[in-house]
Amino acid sequence: MTSDERLGGWAISFEVAEFISTIIEPGNLILELGSGSGTGYLSEKFNMISVENNHEFLNLENSKYIYAPIIEYFDSPFHGEKGWYDPNILEKELPSDYDLLLIDGPHGRIGRSGILLHLHLFRPDRPVIVDDSHRPTESNLAQEISRIWDMDMHVFDCGEESNDGIKRKFHVLLPKS
C-alpha cells in the first residue's frame, strides 16, 4: 500500500498505521476506540481490541470486539457532542494492560470528548494517538489529554485530505520519560 491509498472511507490514514509501527512492536496490543478497515490492516501486525457502538462494524476484522452502545448526555458537557460509549461496559470489559490507545471513535458526529470524563479507565503511561485531529474538536481533545496526563504531544500531517478537503492530521501523545 502506498501513502496515496486510503484504508477505507472512515479509516485511519496509512500514515497513522505506519507510525504505530515505529513506536510499538509487532504483536503488541492496540486498544482502539472505533473500528473499520484500518482495524484489519493493523491486525496484520498487532493484536487488537476494538470498542465499537455500531453493530455494522462488529466482528468484521481480526479483533476482539467490545460492544458499547452510546449513552446520550442529558445535558452535553461538550458543545455539539451528543454522547459517548457506555462507561459501565467499558469499566468491566477494557483490558488492564495494552501498548497503545488509538482514539478514532465514536464517530465525530457523536463525539469523542466523552473520554475526558472517563480517563480513569485508561492508562496514562501508554502512547495515545488521536486521529482526525485536523478537526478542532479532536485537536482540542488531544491537547487536553496531553495536559491532564502531562504527555509530550506531536502533530503529524497525513498524505491525504479529509472529506472536507482539509489536509488530515493526527496527534501522538507520548508519556514523558
N, C-alpha and C. Protein backbone atom coordinates (compact mmCIF):
# COMPACT_ATOMS: atom_id res chain seq x y z
N MET A 1 0.85 -1.18 0.00
CA MET A 1 0.00 0.00 0.00
C MET A 1 0.89 1.24 0.00
N THR A 2 0.55 2.18 -0.82
CA THR A 2 1.31 3.42 -0.87
C THR A 2 0.64 4.45 0.01
N SER A 3 1.38 5.51 0.30
CA SER A 3 0.82 6.56 1.15
C SER A 3 -0.33 7.28 0.47
N ASP A 4 -0.50 7.10 -0.85
CA ASP A 4 -1.60 7.74 -1.55
C ASP A 4 -2.91 6.98 -1.39
N GLU A 5 -2.84 5.72 -0.98
CA GLU A 5 -4.04 4.91 -0.86
C GLU A 5 -4.66 5.07 0.51
N ARG A 6 -6.01 5.14 0.51
CA ARG A 6 -6.73 5.21 1.78
C ARG A 6 -7.07 3.80 2.22
N LEU A 7 -7.22 3.62 3.50
CA LEU A 7 -7.58 2.32 4.04
C LEU A 7 -9.09 2.11 4.02
N GLY A 8 -9.85 3.08 3.60
CA GLY A 8 -11.31 2.97 3.55
C GLY A 8 -11.92 4.29 3.96
N GLY A 9 -13.18 4.48 3.64
CA GLY A 9 -13.88 5.74 3.83
C GLY A 9 -13.61 6.47 5.13
N TRP A 10 -13.84 5.81 6.28
CA TRP A 10 -13.66 6.49 7.56
C TRP A 10 -12.47 5.92 8.32
N ALA A 11 -11.60 5.24 7.63
CA ALA A 11 -10.49 4.56 8.29
C ALA A 11 -9.38 5.53 8.70
N ILE A 12 -8.52 5.03 9.57
CA ILE A 12 -7.30 5.76 9.86
C ILE A 12 -6.51 5.90 8.58
N SER A 13 -5.60 6.83 8.54
CA SER A 13 -4.77 7.01 7.35
C SER A 13 -3.62 6.00 7.36
N PHE A 14 -3.05 5.81 6.20
CA PHE A 14 -1.88 4.96 6.06
C PHE A 14 -0.76 5.46 6.97
N GLU A 15 -0.60 6.79 7.07
CA GLU A 15 0.46 7.35 7.91
C GLU A 15 0.28 6.99 9.38
N VAL A 16 -0.96 6.97 9.87
CA VAL A 16 -1.20 6.57 11.26
C VAL A 16 -0.77 5.12 11.45
N ALA A 17 -1.20 4.26 10.54
CA ALA A 17 -0.86 2.83 10.65
C ALA A 17 0.64 2.63 10.62
N GLU A 18 1.32 3.31 9.73
CA GLU A 18 2.77 3.16 9.64
C GLU A 18 3.48 3.77 10.85
N PHE A 19 2.97 4.88 11.36
CA PHE A 19 3.60 5.50 12.53
C PHE A 19 3.52 4.56 13.74
N ILE A 20 2.40 3.89 13.90
CA ILE A 20 2.24 2.96 15.02
C ILE A 20 3.38 1.95 15.02
N SER A 21 3.79 1.50 13.85
CA SER A 21 4.88 0.52 13.75
C SER A 21 6.21 1.07 14.23
N THR A 22 6.33 2.39 14.36
CA THR A 22 7.59 2.97 14.83
C THR A 22 7.63 3.10 16.35
N ILE A 23 6.49 2.96 17.03
CA ILE A 23 6.50 3.17 18.49
C ILE A 23 6.11 1.94 19.30
N ILE A 24 5.54 0.91 18.66
CA ILE A 24 5.29 -0.36 19.36
C ILE A 24 5.74 -1.51 18.48
N GLU A 25 5.92 -2.66 19.10
CA GLU A 25 6.44 -3.84 18.42
C GLU A 25 5.32 -4.68 17.81
N PRO A 26 5.63 -5.42 16.72
CA PRO A 26 4.64 -6.36 16.19
C PRO A 26 4.18 -7.32 17.30
N GLY A 27 2.90 -7.61 17.30
CA GLY A 27 2.33 -8.48 18.32
C GLY A 27 1.84 -7.76 19.56
N ASN A 28 2.23 -6.47 19.71
CA ASN A 28 1.74 -5.69 20.84
C ASN A 28 0.24 -5.48 20.70
N LEU A 29 -0.38 -5.03 21.81
CA LEU A 29 -1.83 -4.88 21.87
C LEU A 29 -2.23 -3.42 21.69
N ILE A 30 -3.09 -3.17 20.72
CA ILE A 30 -3.66 -1.85 20.49
C ILE A 30 -5.10 -1.88 20.97
N LEU A 31 -5.45 -0.92 21.81
CA LEU A 31 -6.83 -0.70 22.22
C LEU A 31 -7.33 0.45 21.38
N GLU A 32 -8.33 0.19 20.55
CA GLU A 32 -8.84 1.25 19.70
C GLU A 32 -10.29 1.56 20.03
N LEU A 33 -10.59 2.84 20.02
CA LEU A 33 -11.96 3.31 20.16
C LEU A 33 -12.46 3.58 18.75
N GLY A 34 -13.41 2.78 18.30
CA GLY A 34 -13.87 2.82 16.92
C GLY A 34 -13.15 1.75 16.13
N SER A 35 -13.76 1.28 15.07
CA SER A 35 -13.11 0.26 14.24
C SER A 35 -13.56 0.42 12.80
N GLY A 36 -12.86 -0.26 11.92
CA GLY A 36 -13.17 -0.20 10.49
C GLY A 36 -12.11 -0.94 9.71
N SER A 37 -11.92 -0.57 8.46
CA SER A 37 -10.95 -1.29 7.63
C SER A 37 -9.53 -1.10 8.14
N GLY A 38 -9.26 0.00 8.83
CA GLY A 38 -7.94 0.19 9.43
C GLY A 38 -7.64 -0.86 10.48
N THR A 39 -8.69 -1.35 11.14
CA THR A 39 -8.53 -2.41 12.14
C THR A 39 -7.94 -3.65 11.49
N GLY A 40 -8.46 -4.00 10.33
CA GLY A 40 -7.94 -5.17 9.61
C GLY A 40 -6.49 -4.99 9.23
N TYR A 41 -6.14 -3.82 8.75
CA TYR A 41 -4.76 -3.55 8.37
C TYR A 41 -3.84 -3.66 9.58
N LEU A 42 -4.24 -3.04 10.69
CA LEU A 42 -3.41 -3.10 11.90
C LEU A 42 -3.31 -4.52 12.46
N SER A 43 -4.39 -5.30 12.32
CA SER A 43 -4.40 -6.66 12.89
C SER A 43 -3.44 -7.59 12.17
N GLU A 44 -2.92 -7.18 11.02
CA GLU A 44 -1.90 -7.99 10.34
C GLU A 44 -0.59 -7.98 11.11
N LYS A 45 -0.36 -6.95 11.94
CA LYS A 45 0.89 -6.83 12.71
C LYS A 45 0.67 -6.86 14.22
N PHE A 46 -0.52 -6.43 14.66
CA PHE A 46 -0.74 -6.22 16.09
C PHE A 46 -1.98 -6.98 16.57
N ASN A 47 -2.04 -7.22 17.86
CA ASN A 47 -3.26 -7.72 18.47
C ASN A 47 -4.17 -6.52 18.70
N MET A 48 -5.46 -6.72 18.50
CA MET A 48 -6.39 -5.60 18.53
C MET A 48 -7.55 -5.88 19.48
N ILE A 49 -7.94 -4.85 20.22
CA ILE A 49 -9.20 -4.83 20.94
C ILE A 49 -9.91 -3.57 20.49
N SER A 50 -11.13 -3.73 19.98
CA SER A 50 -11.86 -2.61 19.39
C SER A 50 -13.14 -2.35 20.15
N VAL A 51 -13.30 -1.12 20.63
CA VAL A 51 -14.54 -0.68 21.25
C VAL A 51 -15.39 -0.11 20.13
N GLU A 52 -16.62 -0.61 20.02
CA GLU A 52 -17.47 -0.20 18.90
C GLU A 52 -18.92 -0.09 19.36
N ASN A 53 -19.59 0.95 18.87
CA ASN A 53 -21.00 1.17 19.20
C ASN A 53 -21.93 0.79 18.05
N ASN A 54 -21.40 0.63 16.87
CA ASN A 54 -22.19 0.37 15.68
C ASN A 54 -22.18 -1.12 15.36
N HIS A 55 -23.33 -1.76 15.41
CA HIS A 55 -23.43 -3.20 15.13
C HIS A 55 -22.84 -3.57 13.78
N GLU A 56 -22.93 -2.68 12.80
CA GLU A 56 -22.44 -2.97 11.46
C GLU A 56 -20.92 -3.13 11.41
N PHE A 57 -20.21 -2.62 12.41
CA PHE A 57 -18.75 -2.70 12.42
C PHE A 57 -18.23 -3.79 13.35
N LEU A 58 -19.12 -4.52 14.02
CA LEU A 58 -18.69 -5.57 14.94
C LEU A 58 -18.24 -6.81 14.17
N ASN A 59 -17.15 -7.39 14.64
CA ASN A 59 -16.66 -8.69 14.15
C ASN A 59 -16.35 -8.71 12.66
N LEU A 60 -15.99 -7.57 12.10
CA LEU A 60 -15.61 -7.53 10.69
C LEU A 60 -14.14 -7.89 10.47
N GLU A 61 -13.33 -7.60 11.45
CA GLU A 61 -11.89 -7.77 11.29
C GLU A 61 -11.35 -8.70 12.38
N ASN A 62 -10.07 -8.96 12.32
CA ASN A 62 -9.42 -9.85 13.29
C ASN A 62 -9.10 -9.05 14.56
N SER A 63 -10.12 -8.85 15.38
CA SER A 63 -10.01 -8.07 16.61
C SER A 63 -10.96 -8.66 17.64
N LYS A 64 -10.65 -8.47 18.91
CA LYS A 64 -11.63 -8.77 19.95
C LYS A 64 -12.48 -7.52 20.07
N TYR A 65 -13.79 -7.66 19.91
CA TYR A 65 -14.67 -6.51 19.93
C TYR A 65 -15.36 -6.38 21.28
N ILE A 66 -15.48 -5.14 21.72
CA ILE A 66 -16.27 -4.79 22.90
C ILE A 66 -17.41 -3.92 22.40
N TYR A 67 -18.63 -4.44 22.49
CA TYR A 67 -19.78 -3.64 22.08
C TYR A 67 -20.16 -2.73 23.24
N ALA A 68 -20.15 -1.43 22.97
CA ALA A 68 -20.50 -0.43 23.98
C ALA A 68 -21.39 0.61 23.31
N PRO A 69 -22.70 0.51 23.51
CA PRO A 69 -23.59 1.49 22.88
C PRO A 69 -23.32 2.91 23.40
N ILE A 70 -23.79 3.87 22.66
CA ILE A 70 -23.64 5.27 23.05
C ILE A 70 -24.70 5.61 24.10
N ILE A 71 -24.25 6.24 25.17
CA ILE A 71 -25.15 6.79 26.18
C ILE A 71 -25.22 8.28 25.89
N GLU A 72 -26.40 8.75 25.54
CA GLU A 72 -26.54 10.16 25.22
C GLU A 72 -26.53 11.00 26.49
N TYR A 73 -25.93 12.17 26.39
CA TYR A 73 -25.89 13.10 27.50
C TYR A 73 -27.26 13.73 27.71
N PHE A 74 -27.65 13.86 28.95
CA PHE A 74 -28.87 14.60 29.26
C PHE A 74 -28.66 16.08 28.93
N ASP A 75 -27.51 16.58 29.33
CA ASP A 75 -27.12 17.95 29.04
C ASP A 75 -25.64 17.89 28.68
N SER A 76 -25.31 17.93 27.41
CA SER A 76 -23.95 17.67 26.96
C SER A 76 -22.94 18.65 27.55
N PRO A 77 -21.87 18.10 28.16
CA PRO A 77 -20.79 18.98 28.64
C PRO A 77 -19.87 19.43 27.51
N PHE A 78 -20.07 18.88 26.31
CA PHE A 78 -19.21 19.19 25.18
C PHE A 78 -20.06 19.73 24.03
N HIS A 79 -19.81 20.96 23.65
CA HIS A 79 -20.61 21.62 22.60
C HIS A 79 -20.67 20.76 21.33
N GLY A 80 -21.87 20.50 20.89
CA GLY A 80 -22.07 19.78 19.64
C GLY A 80 -21.92 18.27 19.73
N GLU A 81 -21.61 17.74 20.90
CA GLU A 81 -21.44 16.29 21.05
C GLU A 81 -22.63 15.73 21.81
N LYS A 82 -23.09 14.56 21.39
CA LYS A 82 -24.32 14.06 21.98
C LYS A 82 -24.15 12.90 22.95
N GLY A 83 -22.98 12.28 23.02
CA GLY A 83 -22.82 11.16 23.94
C GLY A 83 -21.47 10.49 23.81
N TRP A 84 -21.36 9.35 24.49
CA TRP A 84 -20.11 8.58 24.46
C TRP A 84 -20.42 7.14 24.80
N TYR A 85 -19.43 6.26 24.62
CA TYR A 85 -19.60 4.84 24.93
C TYR A 85 -20.10 4.64 26.36
N ASP A 86 -20.86 3.57 26.57
CA ASP A 86 -21.37 3.23 27.90
C ASP A 86 -20.18 2.94 28.83
N PRO A 87 -19.89 3.81 29.79
CA PRO A 87 -18.71 3.63 30.64
C PRO A 87 -18.82 2.41 31.56
N ASN A 88 -20.04 1.99 31.89
CA ASN A 88 -20.19 0.80 32.73
C ASN A 88 -19.71 -0.45 32.02
N ILE A 89 -19.99 -0.54 30.74
CA ILE A 89 -19.49 -1.68 29.94
C ILE A 89 -17.97 -1.59 29.83
N LEU A 90 -17.45 -0.41 29.55
CA LEU A 90 -16.00 -0.26 29.41
C LEU A 90 -15.28 -0.61 30.70
N GLU A 91 -15.83 -0.20 31.82
CA GLU A 91 -15.20 -0.49 33.11
C GLU A 91 -15.05 -2.00 33.32
N LYS A 92 -16.01 -2.77 32.85
CA LYS A 92 -15.99 -4.23 33.01
C LYS A 92 -15.13 -4.91 31.94
N GLU A 93 -15.10 -4.36 30.73
CA GLU A 93 -14.54 -5.07 29.59
C GLU A 93 -13.14 -4.63 29.14
N LEU A 94 -12.74 -3.41 29.43
CA LEU A 94 -11.44 -2.94 28.94
C LEU A 94 -10.31 -3.73 29.57
N PRO A 95 -9.26 -3.99 28.80
CA PRO A 95 -8.10 -4.68 29.37
C PRO A 95 -7.36 -3.76 30.34
N SER A 96 -6.73 -4.36 31.33
CA SER A 96 -5.94 -3.54 32.26
C SER A 96 -4.59 -3.17 31.67
N ASP A 97 -4.17 -3.90 30.64
CA ASP A 97 -2.88 -3.61 30.02
C ASP A 97 -3.03 -3.63 28.50
N TYR A 98 -2.39 -2.70 27.87
CA TYR A 98 -2.30 -2.61 26.42
C TYR A 98 -1.09 -1.74 26.12
N ASP A 99 -0.71 -1.67 24.86
CA ASP A 99 0.51 -0.96 24.49
C ASP A 99 0.29 0.39 23.83
N LEU A 100 -0.92 0.63 23.32
CA LEU A 100 -1.22 1.88 22.65
C LEU A 100 -2.72 2.07 22.63
N LEU A 101 -3.16 3.31 22.84
CA LEU A 101 -4.57 3.67 22.74
C LEU A 101 -4.75 4.50 21.48
N LEU A 102 -5.64 4.03 20.59
CA LEU A 102 -5.96 4.72 19.35
C LEU A 102 -7.38 5.26 19.45
N ILE A 103 -7.51 6.57 19.47
CA ILE A 103 -8.82 7.22 19.58
C ILE A 103 -9.30 7.60 18.18
N ASP A 104 -10.23 6.80 17.67
CA ASP A 104 -10.80 7.02 16.35
C ASP A 104 -12.31 6.78 16.39
N GLY A 105 -12.89 6.95 17.54
CA GLY A 105 -14.31 6.74 17.71
C GLY A 105 -14.72 7.23 19.08
N PRO A 106 -16.02 7.37 19.27
CA PRO A 106 -17.07 7.12 18.29
C PRO A 106 -17.03 8.14 17.17
N HIS A 107 -17.90 7.94 16.20
CA HIS A 107 -17.96 8.81 15.03
C HIS A 107 -17.99 10.27 15.47
N GLY A 108 -17.33 11.13 14.72
CA GLY A 108 -17.23 12.55 15.06
C GLY A 108 -18.56 13.24 15.29
N ARG A 109 -19.62 12.78 14.60
CA ARG A 109 -20.93 13.40 14.80
C ARG A 109 -21.53 13.04 16.16
N ILE A 110 -21.05 11.98 16.76
CA ILE A 110 -21.49 11.61 18.12
C ILE A 110 -20.64 12.36 19.13
N GLY A 111 -19.32 12.28 18.94
CA GLY A 111 -18.39 12.99 19.81
C GLY A 111 -17.41 12.07 20.49
N ARG A 112 -16.19 12.54 20.61
CA ARG A 112 -15.12 11.76 21.22
C ARG A 112 -14.66 12.33 22.56
N SER A 113 -15.09 13.53 22.88
CA SER A 113 -14.60 14.19 24.09
C SER A 113 -15.07 13.52 25.37
N GLY A 114 -16.06 12.65 25.28
CA GLY A 114 -16.53 11.93 26.47
C GLY A 114 -15.44 11.15 27.17
N ILE A 115 -14.37 10.83 26.46
CA ILE A 115 -13.26 10.13 27.11
C ILE A 115 -12.70 10.96 28.26
N LEU A 116 -12.80 12.28 28.16
CA LEU A 116 -12.27 13.14 29.22
C LEU A 116 -12.98 12.92 30.55
N LEU A 117 -14.23 12.47 30.50
CA LEU A 117 -14.98 12.17 31.73
C LEU A 117 -14.63 10.81 32.29
N HIS A 118 -13.87 10.01 31.52
CA HIS A 118 -13.61 8.63 31.91
C HIS A 118 -12.13 8.25 31.72
N LEU A 119 -11.24 9.22 31.84
CA LEU A 119 -9.82 8.93 31.66
C LEU A 119 -9.30 7.90 32.65
N HIS A 120 -9.96 7.77 33.79
CA HIS A 120 -9.52 6.79 34.79
C HIS A 120 -9.61 5.35 34.27
N LEU A 121 -10.33 5.13 33.17
CA LEU A 121 -10.44 3.79 32.59
C LEU A 121 -9.24 3.45 31.70
N PHE A 122 -8.38 4.42 31.45
CA PHE A 122 -7.29 4.25 30.51
C PHE A 122 -5.95 4.51 31.19
N ARG A 123 -4.88 4.11 30.52
CA ARG A 123 -3.53 4.19 31.08
C ARG A 123 -2.79 5.44 30.61
N PRO A 124 -2.34 6.27 31.54
CA PRO A 124 -1.59 7.46 31.15
C PRO A 124 -0.12 7.16 30.82
N ASP A 125 0.30 5.91 31.02
CA ASP A 125 1.69 5.53 30.77
C ASP A 125 1.87 4.82 29.44
N ARG A 126 0.91 4.97 28.53
CA ARG A 126 0.98 4.36 27.21
C ARG A 126 0.78 5.43 26.14
N PRO A 127 1.37 5.24 24.96
CA PRO A 127 1.14 6.21 23.88
C PRO A 127 -0.34 6.27 23.50
N VAL A 128 -0.75 7.46 23.08
CA VAL A 128 -2.11 7.71 22.63
C VAL A 128 -2.03 8.37 21.26
N ILE A 129 -2.85 7.89 20.33
CA ILE A 129 -2.98 8.55 19.04
C ILE A 129 -4.41 9.02 18.91
N VAL A 130 -4.57 10.30 18.60
CA VAL A 130 -5.89 10.87 18.34
C VAL A 130 -5.96 11.13 16.85
N ASP A 131 -6.83 10.37 16.17
CA ASP A 131 -6.97 10.51 14.73
C ASP A 131 -7.91 11.68 14.41
N ASP A 132 -7.86 12.12 13.18
CA ASP A 132 -8.73 13.19 12.67
C ASP A 132 -8.53 14.51 13.40
N SER A 133 -7.31 14.78 13.83
CA SER A 133 -7.06 15.99 14.62
C SER A 133 -6.91 17.24 13.75
N HIS A 134 -7.22 17.13 12.46
CA HIS A 134 -7.37 18.34 11.63
C HIS A 134 -8.67 19.05 12.02
N ARG A 135 -9.57 18.30 12.68
CA ARG A 135 -10.82 18.90 13.18
C ARG A 135 -10.54 19.52 14.54
N PRO A 136 -11.05 20.71 14.79
CA PRO A 136 -10.77 21.40 16.06
C PRO A 136 -11.14 20.58 17.31
N THR A 137 -12.24 19.85 17.27
CA THR A 137 -12.66 19.09 18.45
C THR A 137 -11.63 18.03 18.82
N GLU A 138 -11.13 17.29 17.82
CA GLU A 138 -10.14 16.25 18.08
C GLU A 138 -8.79 16.85 18.47
N SER A 139 -8.44 17.99 17.86
CA SER A 139 -7.21 18.68 18.25
C SER A 139 -7.29 19.12 19.71
N ASN A 140 -8.41 19.70 20.10
CA ASN A 140 -8.60 20.12 21.49
C ASN A 140 -8.59 18.93 22.44
N LEU A 141 -9.18 17.81 22.01
CA LEU A 141 -9.19 16.60 22.82
C LEU A 141 -7.75 16.12 23.08
N ALA A 142 -6.95 16.07 22.04
CA ALA A 142 -5.55 15.65 22.19
C ALA A 142 -4.80 16.59 23.13
N GLN A 143 -5.01 17.87 22.97
CA GLN A 143 -4.32 18.84 23.83
C GLN A 143 -4.73 18.68 25.29
N GLU A 144 -6.00 18.41 25.51
CA GLU A 144 -6.50 18.26 26.88
C GLU A 144 -5.96 16.98 27.53
N ILE A 145 -5.94 15.88 26.80
CA ILE A 145 -5.37 14.65 27.35
C ILE A 145 -3.90 14.85 27.64
N SER A 146 -3.19 15.50 26.73
CA SER A 146 -1.77 15.77 26.92
C SER A 146 -1.54 16.60 28.19
N ARG A 147 -2.40 17.59 28.40
CA ARG A 147 -2.26 18.45 29.58
C ARG A 147 -2.57 17.67 30.86
N ILE A 148 -3.66 16.93 30.87
CA ILE A 148 -4.08 16.20 32.08
C ILE A 148 -3.06 15.14 32.45
N TRP A 149 -2.57 14.40 31.47
CA TRP A 149 -1.62 13.31 31.74
C TRP A 149 -0.16 13.75 31.63
N ASP A 150 0.09 15.03 31.37
CA ASP A 150 1.44 15.56 31.23
C ASP A 150 2.27 14.74 30.24
N MET A 151 1.80 14.70 29.00
CA MET A 151 2.45 13.93 27.95
C MET A 151 3.08 14.86 26.92
N ASP A 152 4.08 14.34 26.22
CA ASP A 152 4.65 15.06 25.08
C ASP A 152 3.70 14.91 23.90
N MET A 153 3.45 15.99 23.18
CA MET A 153 2.49 15.97 22.08
C MET A 153 3.19 16.32 20.77
N HIS A 154 2.86 15.53 19.74
CA HIS A 154 3.40 15.75 18.40
C HIS A 154 2.23 15.70 17.42
N VAL A 155 2.27 16.55 16.40
CA VAL A 155 1.22 16.60 15.39
C VAL A 155 1.84 16.22 14.05
N PHE A 156 1.15 15.33 13.33
CA PHE A 156 1.64 14.86 12.04
C PHE A 156 0.58 15.06 10.97
N ASP A 157 1.05 15.43 9.77
CA ASP A 157 0.17 15.52 8.60
C ASP A 157 0.07 14.15 7.95
N CYS A 158 -1.08 13.91 7.35
CA CYS A 158 -1.29 12.70 6.57
C CYS A 158 -1.13 13.06 5.10
N GLY A 159 -0.97 12.06 4.29
CA GLY A 159 -0.80 12.30 2.87
C GLY A 159 -2.11 12.36 2.11
N GLU A 160 -3.18 12.68 2.79
CA GLU A 160 -4.49 12.71 2.15
C GLU A 160 -5.33 13.82 2.75
N GLU A 161 -6.40 14.12 2.07
CA GLU A 161 -7.33 15.13 2.55
C GLU A 161 -8.55 14.47 3.16
N SER A 162 -9.18 15.18 4.07
CA SER A 162 -10.44 14.72 4.66
C SER A 162 -11.55 14.85 3.64
N ASN A 163 -12.72 14.38 3.98
CA ASN A 163 -13.87 14.53 3.09
C ASN A 163 -14.22 16.00 2.88
N ASP A 164 -13.75 16.88 3.77
CA ASP A 164 -14.00 18.33 3.65
C ASP A 164 -12.93 19.03 2.80
N GLY A 165 -11.94 18.27 2.33
CA GLY A 165 -10.87 18.87 1.54
C GLY A 165 -9.76 19.47 2.38
N ILE A 166 -9.74 19.16 3.67
CA ILE A 166 -8.69 19.67 4.58
C ILE A 166 -7.63 18.58 4.73
N LYS A 167 -6.37 18.98 4.78
CA LYS A 167 -5.28 18.02 4.98
C LYS A 167 -5.46 17.33 6.34
N ARG A 168 -5.56 16.00 6.33
CA ARG A 168 -5.77 15.25 7.57
C ARG A 168 -4.52 15.30 8.45
N LYS A 169 -4.76 15.24 9.78
CA LYS A 169 -3.69 15.24 10.78
C LYS A 169 -4.01 14.23 11.85
N PHE A 170 -2.98 13.85 12.61
CA PHE A 170 -3.19 13.06 13.81
C PHE A 170 -2.20 13.52 14.88
N HIS A 171 -2.64 13.44 16.11
CA HIS A 171 -1.81 13.80 17.26
C HIS A 171 -1.27 12.53 17.91
N VAL A 172 -0.02 12.58 18.30
CA VAL A 172 0.61 11.49 19.05
C VAL A 172 0.99 12.04 20.40
N LEU A 173 0.52 11.37 21.45
CA LEU A 173 0.83 11.75 22.83
C LEU A 173 1.69 10.66 23.43
N LEU A 174 2.84 11.06 23.94
CA LEU A 174 3.80 10.09 24.47
C LEU A 174 4.07 10.39 25.93
N PRO A 175 4.09 9.33 26.78
CA PRO A 175 4.46 9.54 28.17
C PRO A 175 5.87 10.12 28.25
N LYS A 176 6.08 11.02 29.17
CA LYS A 176 7.41 11.59 29.35
C LYS A 176 8.31 10.56 30.02
N SER A 177 9.55 10.49 29.54
CA SER A 177 10.50 9.51 30.08
C SER A 177 11.00 9.88 31.44
